[in-house]
Amino acid sequence: MKLLTMIRHAKSDWDNDLYDFDRPLSAKGEKDAPRMGEYLAQNLPKPDLIISSPALRSAKTAELIAEKIAYPVDKIKYVDELYLCSVSEYIEVLIKQNPKINHIFVVSHNPGTTGFVNLIAGENIEELPTSGVAHIKLDFYKWDDIEPDTGKLIKTFGPKTI
């Protein structure tokens, strides 16, 4: 059995002329991400690996969460394919992971994050909010066995529901 915790990046700042990739977190995002990290530290098992999109808003979300769950920030794995990726690209990223890793946090973007959760868990979540989390139990032992409907959604939560 594997655990997968999908996290949508915290709220980003749109009040600038930066490229999408370079948008920072908003003041709300800077507040919500560590709060979610504290909740994750108290309510979920610690991940063996954190994988993040390298986009600034996702990277910062991953770092703020890592600090709160006592995960070494320098061990976060930034994966270019997670920047605005499709549902199938999540599978491609996950199948490459070491089978000894049992729990992965993935910090990335919508609509891909929500779409991937729905595909893997056979759910119909309308939209994971910014800083939203979907925690999934997967019924296999090697990441390369991941495919649609191999997961069970354990819970979803976000800043407004914790």
Protein backbone atom coordinates (compact mmCIF):
# COMPACT_ATOMS: atom_id res chain seq x y z
CA MET A 1 0.00 0.00 0.00
CA LYS A 2 1.14 3.54 -0.81
CA LEU A 3 -0.06 6.97 0.31
CA LEU A 4 -0.30 9.99 -1.94
CA THR A 5 -1.07 13.48 -0.71
CA MET A 6 -1.92 15.90 -3.50
CA ILE A 7 -1.60 19.59 -2.58
CA ARG A 8 -2.66 22.52 -4.71
CA HIS A 9 -0.30 25.49 -4.31
CA ALA A 10 -1.37 28.32 -2.00
CA LYS A 11 -3.07 31.47 -3.31
CA SER A 12 -0.82 33.40 -5.67
CA ASP A 13 -0.42 37.09 -6.35
CA TRP A 14 -1.94 38.29 -9.62
CA ASP A 15 -1.16 42.00 -9.01
CA ASN A 16 2.03 42.08 -11.08
CA ASP A 17 3.32 41.79 -14.62
CA LEU A 18 5.35 38.65 -14.02
CA TYR A 19 5.23 35.55 -16.18
CA ASP A 20 2.86 32.91 -14.82
CA PHE A 21 5.79 30.69 -13.75
CA ASP A 22 7.23 33.51 -11.61
CA ARG A 23 4.10 34.57 -9.73
CA PRO A 24 4.73 34.64 -5.94
CA LEU A 25 2.30 33.77 -3.19
CA SER A 26 -0.17 36.41 -2.09
CA ALA A 27 -0.35 37.51 1.56
CA LYS A 28 -3.21 35.00 1.99
CA GLY A 29 -1.08 32.24 0.45
CA GLU A 30 1.86 33.11 2.74
CA LYS A 31 -0.52 32.65 5.69
CA ASP A 32 -2.42 29.58 4.47
CA ALA A 33 0.53 27.38 3.41
CA PRO A 34 2.20 27.20 6.86
CA ARG A 35 -1.20 26.74 8.49
CA MET A 36 -1.85 23.77 6.21
CA GLY A 37 1.62 22.47 7.04
CA GLU A 38 0.82 22.55 10.75
CA TYR A 39 -2.41 20.68 10.11
CA LEU A 40 -0.64 18.11 7.95
CA ALA A 41 2.02 17.60 10.64
CA GLN A 42 -0.68 16.81 13.20
CA ASN A 43 -3.06 14.77 11.04
CA LEU A 44 -1.15 12.83 8.35
CA PRO A 45 1.92 10.62 8.32
CA LYS A 46 5.11 12.45 7.34
CA PRO A 47 5.99 11.95 3.67
CA ASP A 48 9.05 10.06 2.52
CA LEU A 49 9.31 12.49 -0.40
CA ILE A 50 7.95 15.89 -1.40
CA ILE A 51 7.74 16.53 -5.14
CA SER A 52 6.86 20.02 -6.38
CA SER A 53 6.36 21.99 -9.52
CA PRO A 54 9.29 24.40 -9.84
CA ALA A 55 6.95 27.39 -10.42
CA LEU A 56 7.55 29.95 -7.68
CA ARG A 57 4.09 29.67 -6.08
CA SER A 58 4.30 25.86 -5.85
CA ALA A 59 7.93 25.81 -4.72
CA LYS A 60 7.20 28.32 -1.94
CA THR A 61 4.12 26.35 -0.85
CA ALA A 62 6.20 23.16 -0.71
CA GLU A 63 8.92 24.91 1.31
CA LEU A 64 6.50 26.43 3.83
CA ILE A 65 4.78 23.07 4.33
CA ALA A 66 8.11 21.22 4.58
CA GLU A 67 9.25 23.55 7.37
CA LYS A 68 6.11 22.85 9.40
CA ILE A 69 6.29 19.06 9.01
CA ALA A 70 10.05 18.90 9.75
CA TYR A 71 10.91 17.74 6.22
CA PRO A 72 14.29 19.01 4.96
CA VAL A 73 13.62 21.80 2.46
CA ASP A 74 16.76 20.86 0.51
CA LYS A 75 15.29 17.38 -0.09
CA ILE A 76 12.24 18.68 -2.00
CA LYS A 77 12.39 17.30 -5.54
CA TYR A 78 11.41 19.86 -8.18
CA VAL A 79 9.98 18.25 -11.31
CA ASP A 80 9.57 20.42 -14.41
CA GLU A 81 6.75 18.22 -15.74
CA LEU A 82 4.53 19.22 -12.80
CA TYR A 83 4.23 22.80 -14.03
CA LEU A 84 0.71 22.97 -15.46
CA CYS A 85 0.82 19.26 -16.31
CA SER A 86 -1.88 17.04 -17.65
CA VAL A 87 -3.42 14.17 -15.70
CA SER A 88 -1.33 11.63 -17.62
CA GLU A 89 1.88 13.51 -16.80
CA TYR A 90 1.25 12.98 -13.07
CA ILE A 91 1.24 9.25 -13.74
CA GLU A 92 4.49 9.56 -15.72
CA VAL A 93 6.14 11.40 -12.80
CA LEU A 94 4.92 8.95 -10.16
CA ILE A 95 5.83 5.73 -11.96
CA LYS A 96 9.47 6.86 -11.89
CA GLN A 97 9.56 6.97 -8.08
CA ASN A 98 11.49 4.47 -6.00
CA PRO A 99 9.19 1.61 -4.84
CA LYS A 100 10.70 1.91 -1.34
CA ILE A 101 9.02 5.31 -0.97
CA ASN A 102 5.65 4.78 0.68
CA HIS A 103 4.22 8.29 1.04
CA ILE A 104 4.62 11.17 -1.41
CA PHE A 105 3.40 14.76 -1.15
CA VAL A 106 2.90 16.35 -4.60
CA VAL A 107 2.57 20.17 -4.72
CA SER A 108 1.27 21.44 -8.03
CA HIS A 109 -1.43 23.29 -9.97
CA ASN A 110 -5.05 23.07 -11.03
CA PRO A 111 -6.82 21.89 -13.10
CA GLY A 112 -4.36 18.98 -13.23
CA THR A 113 -4.29 18.31 -9.49
CA THR A 114 -8.07 17.98 -9.19
CA GLY A 115 -8.31 16.00 -12.42
CA PHE A 116 -5.62 13.59 -11.29
CA VAL A 117 -7.28 13.03 -7.88
CA ASN A 118 -10.58 12.31 -9.63
CA LEU A 119 -8.96 9.86 -12.04
CA ILE A 120 -6.89 7.94 -9.50
CA ALA A 121 -9.54 7.82 -6.79
CA GLY A 122 -12.60 7.49 -9.03
CA GLU A 123 -14.07 10.65 -7.49
CA ASN A 124 -15.83 13.74 -8.78
CA ILE A 125 -14.33 16.61 -6.80
CA GLU A 126 -15.34 19.86 -8.49
CA GLU A 127 -12.18 21.79 -7.61
CA LEU A 128 -9.52 21.52 -4.95
CA PRO A 129 -9.13 25.04 -3.49
CA THR A 130 -5.79 26.82 -3.27
CA SER A 131 -3.82 25.17 -0.43
CA GLY A 132 -6.31 22.29 -0.72
CA VAL A 133 -5.23 18.75 0.06
CA ALA A 134 -6.46 15.35 -1.14
CA HIS A 135 -5.08 12.38 0.80
CA ILE A 136 -5.29 9.08 -1.09
CA LYS A 137 -4.55 5.47 -0.18
CA LEU A 138 -3.29 3.45 -3.14
CA ASP A 139 -3.82 -0.28 -3.44
CA PHE A 140 -0.45 -1.34 -4.85
CA TYR A 141 3.17 -1.71 -3.76
CA LYS A 142 5.19 -0.22 -6.66
CA TRP A 143 4.62 3.27 -8.06
CA ASP A 144 4.78 1.93 -11.60
CA ASP A 145 1.49 0.10 -10.91
CA ILE A 146 -0.41 3.39 -10.66
CA GLU A 147 -3.40 3.67 -12.96
CA PRO A 148 -6.97 5.03 -12.90
CA ASP A 149 -9.14 3.91 -9.98
CA THR A 150 -6.25 2.36 -7.98
CA GLY A 151 -6.77 4.80 -5.10
CA LYS A 152 -9.27 5.51 -2.38
CA LEU A 153 -9.77 9.10 -1.32
CA ILE A 154 -9.33 9.20 2.45
CA LYS A 155 -10.07 12.89 2.90
CA THR A 156 -9.91 16.33 1.37
CA PHE A 157 -9.50 19.59 3.25
CA GLY A 158 -8.44 23.16 2.75
CA PRO A 159 -7.83 26.34 4.71
CA LYS A 160 -11.55 26.97 5.18
CA THR A 161 -12.25 23.46 6.53
CA ILE A 162 -9.46 22.96 9.07
